[in-house]
Amino acid sequence: MKIQILGTGCAKCIKLTENAEKAAKEVGVDFEIEKVTDINEIMEFGVMFTPGIAIDGQVKSVGKVLSVEEIKKML
């Protein structure tokens, strides 16, 4: 499973990355986290507000930091 964090590296993006990693470990799935920081790449996802999270290429959330529990439900 590929989890992509879409953001420029702000505090919210860092927190979302931490929550995503914790959620994936708790669920027990094989995962890879990729940080997408290039604004053009982020816009290719159709994301205009960061942070965003995409799972296996599909954007799941934009503009907010999801909790570990919210991310676990998506996985």
PDB file of N, CA and C in Angstrom:
ATOM      1  N   MET A   1       0.853  -1.172   0.000  1.00  0.00           N
ATOM      2  CA  MET A   1       0.000   0.000   0.000  1.00  0.00           C
ATOM      3  C   MET A   1       0.898   1.234   0.000  1.00  0.00           C
ATOM      4  N   LYS A   2       0.544   2.180  -0.841  1.00  0.00           N
ATOM      5  CA  LYS A   2       1.311   3.422  -0.939  1.00  0.00           C
ATOM      6  C   LYS A   2       0.487   4.562  -0.349  1.00  0.00           C
ATOM      7  N   ILE A   3       1.048   5.202   0.667  1.00  0.00           N
ATOM      8  CA  ILE A   3       0.405   6.344   1.310  1.00  0.00           C
ATOM      9  C   ILE A   3       1.213   7.579   0.938  1.00  0.00           C
ATOM     10  N   GLN A   4       0.545   8.540   0.322  1.00  0.00           N
ATOM     11  CA  GLN A   4       1.226   9.766  -0.090  1.00  0.00           C
ATOM     12  C   GLN A   4       0.700  10.936   0.729  1.00  0.00           C
ATOM     13  N   ILE A   5       1.635  11.676   1.315  1.00  0.00           N
ATOM     14  CA  ILE A   5       1.295  12.878   2.054  1.00  0.00           C
ATOM     15  C   ILE A   5       1.574  14.051   1.121  1.00  0.00           C
ATOM     16  N   LEU A   6       0.551  14.829   0.842  1.00  0.00           N
ATOM     17  CA  LEU A   6       0.646  15.930  -0.110  1.00  0.00           C
ATOM     18  C   LEU A   6       0.745  17.239   0.657  1.00  0.00           C
ATOM     19  N   GLY A   7       1.933  17.821   0.648  1.00  0.00           N
ATOM     20  CA  GLY A   7       2.131  19.069   1.368  1.00  0.00           C
ATOM     21  C   GLY A   7       3.563  19.540   1.289  1.00  0.00           C
ATOM     22  N   THR A   8       3.769  20.777   1.642  1.00  0.00           N
ATOM     23  CA  THR A   8       5.079  21.400   1.471  1.00  0.00           C
ATOM     24  C   THR A   8       6.023  21.174   2.642  1.00  0.00           C
ATOM     25  N   GLY A   9       5.590  20.462   3.658  1.00  0.00           N
ATOM     26  CA  GLY A   9       6.462  20.175   4.791  1.00  0.00           C
ATOM     27  C   GLY A   9       6.142  20.990   6.027  1.00  0.00           C
ATOM     28  N   CYS A  10       4.960  21.574   6.078  1.00  0.00           N
ATOM     29  CA  CYS A  10       4.545  22.376   7.240  1.00  0.00           C
ATOM     30  C   CYS A  10       4.283  21.455   8.437  1.00  0.00           C
ATOM     31  N   ALA A  11       4.031  22.065   9.572  1.00  0.00           N
ATOM     32  CA  ALA A  11       3.780  21.305  10.800  1.00  0.00           C
ATOM     33  C   ALA A  11       2.581  20.360  10.649  1.00  0.00           C
ATOM     34  N   LYS A  12       1.539  20.816   9.956  1.00  0.00           N
ATOM     35  CA  LYS A  12       0.355  19.966   9.748  1.00  0.00           C
ATOM     36  C   LYS A  12       0.703  18.758   8.883  1.00  0.00           C
ATOM     37  N   CYS A  13       1.559  18.973   7.879  1.00  0.00           N
ATOM     38  CA  CYS A  13       1.967  17.875   6.997  1.00  0.00           C
ATOM     39  C   CYS A  13       2.772  16.836   7.780  1.00  0.00           C
ATOM     40  N   ILE A  14       3.637  17.315   8.653  1.00  0.00           N
ATOM     41  CA  ILE A  14       4.457  16.418   9.471  1.00  0.00           C
ATOM     42  C   ILE A  14       3.570  15.600  10.402  1.00  0.00           C
ATOM     43  N   LYS A  15       2.591  16.242  11.029  1.00  0.00           N
ATOM     44  CA  LYS A  15       1.677  15.538  11.934  1.00  0.00           C
ATOM     45  C   LYS A  15       0.846  14.505  11.183  1.00  0.00           C
ATOM     46  N   LEU A  16       0.385  14.842   9.986  1.00  0.00           N
ATOM     47  CA  LEU A  16      -0.387  13.895   9.182  1.00  0.00           C
ATOM     48  C   LEU A  16       0.474  12.688   8.812  1.00  0.00           C
ATOM     49  N   THR A  17       1.738  12.928   8.501  1.00  0.00           N
ATOM     50  CA  THR A  17       2.660  11.827   8.192  1.00  0.00           C
ATOM     51  C   THR A  17       2.803  10.898   9.393  1.00  0.00           C
ATOM     52  N   GLU A  18       2.998  11.478  10.563  1.00  0.00           N
ATOM     53  CA  GLU A  18       3.135  10.681  11.791  1.00  0.00           C
ATOM     54  C   GLU A  18       1.875   9.861  12.049  1.00  0.00           C
ATOM     55  N   ASN A  19       0.710  10.475  11.895  1.00  0.00           N
ATOM     56  CA  ASN A  19      -0.555   9.776  12.127  1.00  0.00           C
ATOM     57  C   ASN A  19      -0.761   8.653  11.118  1.00  0.00           C
ATOM     58  N   ALA A  20      -0.401   8.890   9.863  1.00  0.00           N
ATOM     59  CA  ALA A  20      -0.562   7.872   8.821  1.00  0.00           C
ATOM     60  C   ALA A  20       0.342   6.673   9.102  1.00  0.00           C
ATOM     61  N   GLU A  21       1.572   6.954   9.499  1.00  0.00           N
ATOM     62  CA  GLU A  21       2.505   5.863   9.790  1.00  0.00           C
ATOM     63  C   GLU A  21       2.019   5.041  10.981  1.00  0.00           C
ATOM     64  N   LYS A  22       1.557   5.708  12.011  1.00  0.00           N
ATOM     65  CA  LYS A  22       1.052   5.009  13.197  1.00  0.00           C
ATOM     66  C   LYS A  22      -0.182   4.176  12.846  1.00  0.00           C
ATOM     67  N   ALA A  23      -1.090   4.735  12.064  1.00  0.00           N
ATOM     68  CA  ALA A  23      -2.314   4.019  11.680  1.00  0.00           C
ATOM     69  C   ALA A  23      -1.979   2.764  10.880  1.00  0.00           C
ATOM     70  N   ALA A  24      -1.070   2.879   9.921  1.00  0.00           N
ATOM     71  CA  ALA A  24      -0.711   1.732   9.082  1.00  0.00           C
ATOM     72  C   ALA A  24      -0.048   0.638   9.913  1.00  0.00           C
ATOM     73  N   LYS A  25       0.786   1.037  10.860  1.00  0.00           N
ATOM     74  CA  LYS A  25       1.433   0.044  11.734  1.00  0.00           C
ATOM     75  C   LYS A  25       0.404  -0.652  12.612  1.00  0.00           C
ATOM     76  N   GLU A  26      -0.559   0.115  13.143  1.00  0.00           N
ATOM     77  CA  GLU A  26      -1.584  -0.477  14.014  1.00  0.00           C
ATOM     78  C   GLU A  26      -2.498  -1.426  13.252  1.00  0.00           C
ATOM     79  N   VAL A  27      -2.781  -1.104  11.994  1.00  0.00           N
ATOM     80  CA  VAL A  27      -3.631  -1.974  11.175  1.00  0.00           C
ATOM     81  C   VAL A  27      -2.847  -3.217  10.729  1.00  0.00           C
ATOM     82  N   GLY A  28      -1.531  -3.045  10.592  1.00  0.00           N
ATOM     83  CA  GLY A  28      -0.683  -4.173  10.233  1.00  0.00           C
ATOM     84  C   GLY A  28      -0.552  -4.415   8.743  1.00  0.00           C
ATOM     85  N   VAL A  29      -0.681  -3.371   7.943  1.00  0.00           N
ATOM     86  CA  VAL A  29      -0.543  -3.516   6.497  1.00  0.00           C
ATOM     87  C   VAL A  29       0.889  -3.191   6.066  1.00  0.00           C
ATOM     88  N   ASP A  30       1.307  -3.787   4.953  1.00  0.00           N
ATOM     89  CA  ASP A  30       2.579  -3.397   4.349  1.00  0.00           C
ATOM     90  C   ASP A  30       2.353  -2.046   3.698  1.00  0.00           C
ATOM     91  N   PHE A  31       3.217  -1.095   3.993  1.00  0.00           N
ATOM     92  CA  PHE A  31       2.996   0.245   3.465  1.00  0.00           C
ATOM     93  C   PHE A  31       4.307   0.948   3.171  1.00  0.00           C
ATOM     94  N   GLU A  32       4.178   1.960   2.339  1.00  0.00           N
ATOM     95  CA  GLU A  32       5.279   2.855   2.002  1.00  0.00           C
ATOM     96  C   GLU A  32       4.701   4.260   2.084  1.00  0.00           C
ATOM     97  N   ILE A  33       5.424   5.151   2.762  1.00  0.00           N
ATOM     98  CA  ILE A  33       4.973   6.541   2.834  1.00  0.00           C
ATOM     99  C   ILE A  33       5.858   7.387   1.933  1.00  0.00           C
ATOM    100  N   GLU A  34       5.204   8.149   1.081  1.00  0.00           N
ATOM    101  CA  GLU A  34       5.910   9.067   0.185  1.00  0.00           C
ATOM    102  C   GLU A  34       5.425  10.480   0.489  1.00  0.00           C
ATOM    103  N   LYS A  35       6.371  11.379   0.665  1.00  0.00           N
ATOM    104  CA  LYS A  35       6.021  12.785   0.883  1.00  0.00           C
ATOM    105  C   LYS A  35       6.115  13.500  -0.452  1.00  0.00           C
ATOM    106  N   VAL A  36       4.995  14.036  -0.911  1.00  0.00           N
ATOM    107  CA  VAL A  36       4.939  14.787  -2.167  1.00  0.00           C
ATOM    108  C   VAL A  36       4.972  16.263  -1.794  1.00  0.00           C
ATOM    109  N   THR A  37       6.114  16.915  -2.064  1.00  0.00           N
ATOM    110  CA  THR A  37       6.290  18.304  -1.639  1.00  0.00           C
ATOM    111  C   THR A  37       6.285  19.292  -2.806  1.00  0.00           C
ATOM    112  N   ASP A  38       6.418  18.792  -4.023  1.00  0.00           N
ATOM    113  CA  ASP A  38       6.432  19.677  -5.193  1.00  0.00           C
ATOM    114  C   ASP A  38       5.019  20.184  -5.465  1.00  0.00           C
ATOM    115  N   ILE A  39       4.857  21.492  -5.477  1.00  0.00           N
ATOM    116  CA  ILE A  39       3.522  22.092  -5.609  1.00  0.00           C
ATOM    117  C   ILE A  39       2.840  21.690  -6.917  1.00  0.00           C
ATOM    118  N   ASN A  40       3.596  21.514  -7.984  1.00  0.00           N
ATOM    119  CA  ASN A  40       3.006  21.092  -9.260  1.00  0.00           C
ATOM    120  C   ASN A  40       2.478  19.663  -9.182  1.00  0.00           C
ATOM    121  N   GLU A  41       3.233  18.791  -8.507  1.00  0.00           N
ATOM    122  CA  GLU A  41       2.776  17.412  -8.336  1.00  0.00           C
ATOM    123  C   GLU A  41       1.511  17.370  -7.482  1.00  0.00           C
ATOM    124  N   ILE A  42       1.503  18.189  -6.424  1.00  0.00           N
ATOM    125  CA  ILE A  42       0.334  18.240  -5.549  1.00  0.00           C
ATOM    126  C   ILE A  42      -0.889  18.686  -6.343  1.00  0.00           C
ATOM    127  N   MET A  43      -0.711  19.686  -7.201  1.00  0.00           N
ATOM    128  CA  MET A  43      -1.825  20.184  -8.006  1.00  0.00           C
ATOM    129  C   MET A  43      -2.300  19.150  -9.024  1.00  0.00           C
ATOM    130  N   GLU A  44      -1.402  18.269  -9.483  1.00  0.00           N
ATOM    131  CA  GLU A  44      -1.804  17.198 -10.403  1.00  0.00           C
ATOM    132  C   GLU A  44      -2.809  16.258  -9.749  1.00  0.00           C
ATOM    133  N   PHE A  45      -2.757  16.155  -8.422  1.00  0.00           N
ATOM    134  CA  PHE A  45      -3.735  15.346  -7.689  1.00  0.00           C
ATOM    135  C   PHE A  45      -5.069  16.081  -7.570  1.00  0.00           C
ATOM    136  N   GLY A  46      -5.090  17.363  -7.944  1.00  0.00           N
ATOM    137  CA  GLY A  46      -6.297  18.167  -7.803  1.00  0.00           C
ATOM    138  C   GLY A  46      -6.424  18.773  -6.413  1.00  0.00           C
ATOM    139  N   VAL A  47      -5.326  18.750  -5.670  1.00  0.00           N
ATOM    140  CA  VAL A  47      -5.327  19.251  -4.303  1.00  0.00           C
ATOM    141  C   VAL A  47      -4.917  20.717  -4.297  1.00  0.00           C
ATOM    142  N   MET A  48      -5.780  21.561  -3.731  1.00  0.00           N
ATOM    143  CA  MET A  48      -5.495  22.992  -3.662  1.00  0.00           C
ATOM    144  C   MET A  48      -5.197  23.437  -2.234  1.00  0.00           C
ATOM    145  N   PHE A  49      -5.542  22.616  -1.255  1.00  0.00           N
ATOM    146  CA  PHE A  49      -5.289  22.921   0.147  1.00  0.00           C
ATOM    147  C   PHE A  49      -4.516  21.772   0.764  1.00  0.00           C
ATOM    148  N   THR A  50      -3.455  22.093   1.490  1.00  0.00           N
ATOM    149  CA  THR A  50      -2.665  21.051   2.129  1.00  0.00           C
ATOM    150  C   THR A  50      -2.923  21.082   3.636  1.00  0.00           C
ATOM    151  N   PRO A  51      -2.664  20.000   4.327  1.00  0.00           N
ATOM    152  CA  PRO A  51      -2.120  18.761   3.793  1.00  0.00           C
ATOM    153  C   PRO A  51      -3.207  17.892   3.166  1.00  0.00           C
ATOM    154  N   GLY A  52      -2.763  17.003   2.314  1.00  0.00           N
ATOM    155  CA  GLY A  52      -3.655  16.023   1.714  1.00  0.00           C
ATOM    156  C   GLY A  52      -3.067  14.641   1.911  1.00  0.00           C
ATOM    157  N   ILE A  53      -3.908  13.637   1.793  1.00  0.00           N
ATOM    158  CA  ILE A  53      -3.437  12.262   1.880  1.00  0.00           C
ATOM    159  C   ILE A  53      -4.069  11.469   0.749  1.00  0.00           C
ATOM    160  N   ALA A  54      -3.229  10.690   0.075  1.00  0.00           N
ATOM    161  CA  ALA A  54      -3.695   9.800  -0.988  1.00  0.00           C
ATOM    162  C   ALA A  54      -3.265   8.381  -0.629  1.00  0.00           C
ATOM    163  N   ILE A  55      -4.152   7.446  -0.876  1.00  0.00           N
ATOM    164  CA  ILE A  55      -3.849   6.042  -0.632  1.00  0.00           C
ATOM    165  C   ILE A  55      -3.974   5.315  -1.959  1.00  0.00           C
ATOM    166  N   ASP A  56      -2.871   4.687  -2.354  1.00  0.00           N
ATOM    167  CA  ASP A  56      -2.798   4.007  -3.653  1.00  0.00           C
ATOM    168  C   ASP A  56      -3.256   4.912  -4.795  1.00  0.00           C
ATOM    169  N   GLY A  57      -2.832   6.178  -4.728  1.00  0.00           N
ATOM    170  CA  GLY A  57      -3.089   7.118  -5.814  1.00  0.00           C
ATOM    171  C   GLY A  57      -4.413   7.846  -5.758  1.00  0.00           C
ATOM    172  N   GLN A  58      -5.285   7.502  -4.800  1.00  0.00           N
ATOM    173  CA  GLN A  58      -6.590   8.159  -4.687  1.00  0.00           C
ATOM    174  C   GLN A  58      -6.594   9.112  -3.501  1.00  0.00           C
ATOM    175  N   VAL A  59      -6.924  10.363  -3.761  1.00  0.00           N
ATOM    176  CA  VAL A  59      -6.972  11.367  -2.695  1.00  0.00           C
ATOM    177  C   VAL A  59      -8.126  11.038  -1.750  1.00  0.00           C
ATOM    178  N   LYS A  60      -7.809  10.967  -0.464  1.00  0.00           N
ATOM    179  CA  LYS A  60      -8.808  10.613   0.551  1.00  0.00           C
ATOM    180  C   LYS A  60      -9.210  11.789   1.425  1.00  0.00           C
ATOM    181  N   SER A  61      -8.313  12.770   1.563  1.00  0.00           N
ATOM    182  CA  SER A  61      -8.615  13.915   2.414  1.00  0.00           C
ATOM    183  C   SER A  61      -7.755  15.095   1.997  1.00  0.00           C
ATOM    184  N   VAL A  62      -8.309  16.289   2.157  1.00  0.00           N
ATOM    185  CA  VAL A  62      -7.605  17.517   1.784  1.00  0.00           C
ATOM    186  C   VAL A  62      -7.843  18.580   2.843  1.00  0.00           C
ATOM    187  N   GLY A  63      -6.786  19.281   3.211  1.00  0.00           N
ATOM    188  CA  GLY A  63      -6.926  20.464   4.050  1.00  0.00           C
ATOM    189  C   GLY A  63      -7.092  20.243   5.536  1.00  0.00           C
ATOM    190  N   LYS A  64      -6.884  19.010   6.005  1.00  0.00           N
ATOM    191  CA  LYS A  64      -6.977  18.799   7.448  1.00  0.00           C
ATOM    192  C   LYS A  64      -6.078  17.653   7.874  1.00  0.00           C
ATOM    193  N   VAL A  65      -5.757  17.667   9.152  1.00  0.00           N
ATOM    194  CA  VAL A  65      -4.931  16.608   9.732  1.00  0.00           C
ATOM    195  C   VAL A  65      -5.874  15.556  10.293  1.00  0.00           C
ATOM    196  N   LEU A  66      -5.871  14.404   9.660  1.00  0.00           N
ATOM    197  CA  LEU A  66      -6.729  13.312  10.123  1.00  0.00           C
ATOM    198  C   LEU A  66      -6.115  12.648  11.347  1.00  0.00           C
ATOM    199  N   SER A  67      -6.979  12.141  12.214  1.00  0.00           N
ATOM    200  CA  SER A  67      -6.499  11.398  13.384  1.00  0.00           C
ATOM    201  C   SER A  67      -6.059   9.999  12.945  1.00  0.00           C
ATOM    202  N   VAL A  68      -5.356   9.329  13.836  1.00  0.00           N
ATOM    203  CA  VAL A  68      -4.935   7.951  13.573  1.00  0.00           C
ATOM    204  C   VAL A  68      -6.162   7.086  13.296  1.00  0.00           C
ATOM    205  N   GLU A  69      -7.217   7.258  14.096  1.00  0.00           N
ATOM    206  CA  GLU A  69      -8.432   6.452  13.922  1.00  0.00           C
ATOM    207  C   GLU A  69      -9.099   6.713  12.575  1.00  0.00           C
ATOM    208  N   GLU A  70      -9.133   7.968  12.141  1.00  0.00           N
ATOM    209  CA  GLU A  70      -9.745   8.291  10.843  1.00  0.00           C
ATOM    210  C   GLU A  70      -8.959   7.632   9.710  1.00  0.00           C
ATOM    211  N   ILE A  71      -7.659   7.640   9.809  1.00  0.00           N
ATOM    212  CA  ILE A  71      -6.826   7.038   8.760  1.00  0.00           C
ATOM    213  C   ILE A  71      -6.987   5.531   8.769  1.00  0.00           C
ATOM    214  N   LYS A  72      -7.070   4.930   9.950  1.00  0.00           N
ATOM    215  CA  LYS A  72      -7.237   3.477  10.041  1.00  0.00           C
ATOM    216  C   LYS A  72      -8.498   3.024   9.304  1.00  0.00           C
ATOM    217  N   LYS A  73      -9.563   3.813   9.376  1.00  0.00           N
ATOM    218  CA  LYS A  73     -10.816   3.458   8.691  1.00  0.00           C
ATOM    219  C   LYS A  73     -10.636   3.450   7.174  1.00  0.00           C
ATOM    220  N   MET A  74      -9.729   4.295   6.663  1.00  0.00           N
ATOM    221  CA  MET A  74      -9.480   4.368   5.213  1.00  0.00           C
ATOM    222  C   MET A  74      -8.627   3.210   4.715  1.00  0.00           C
ATOM    223  N   LEU A  75      -7.820   2.666   5.613  1.00  0.00           N
ATOM    224  CA  LEU A  75      -6.922   1.597   5.213  1.00  0.00           C
ATOM    225  C   LEU A  75      -7.659   0.282   5.153  1.00  0.00           C
TER     226      LEU A  75
END
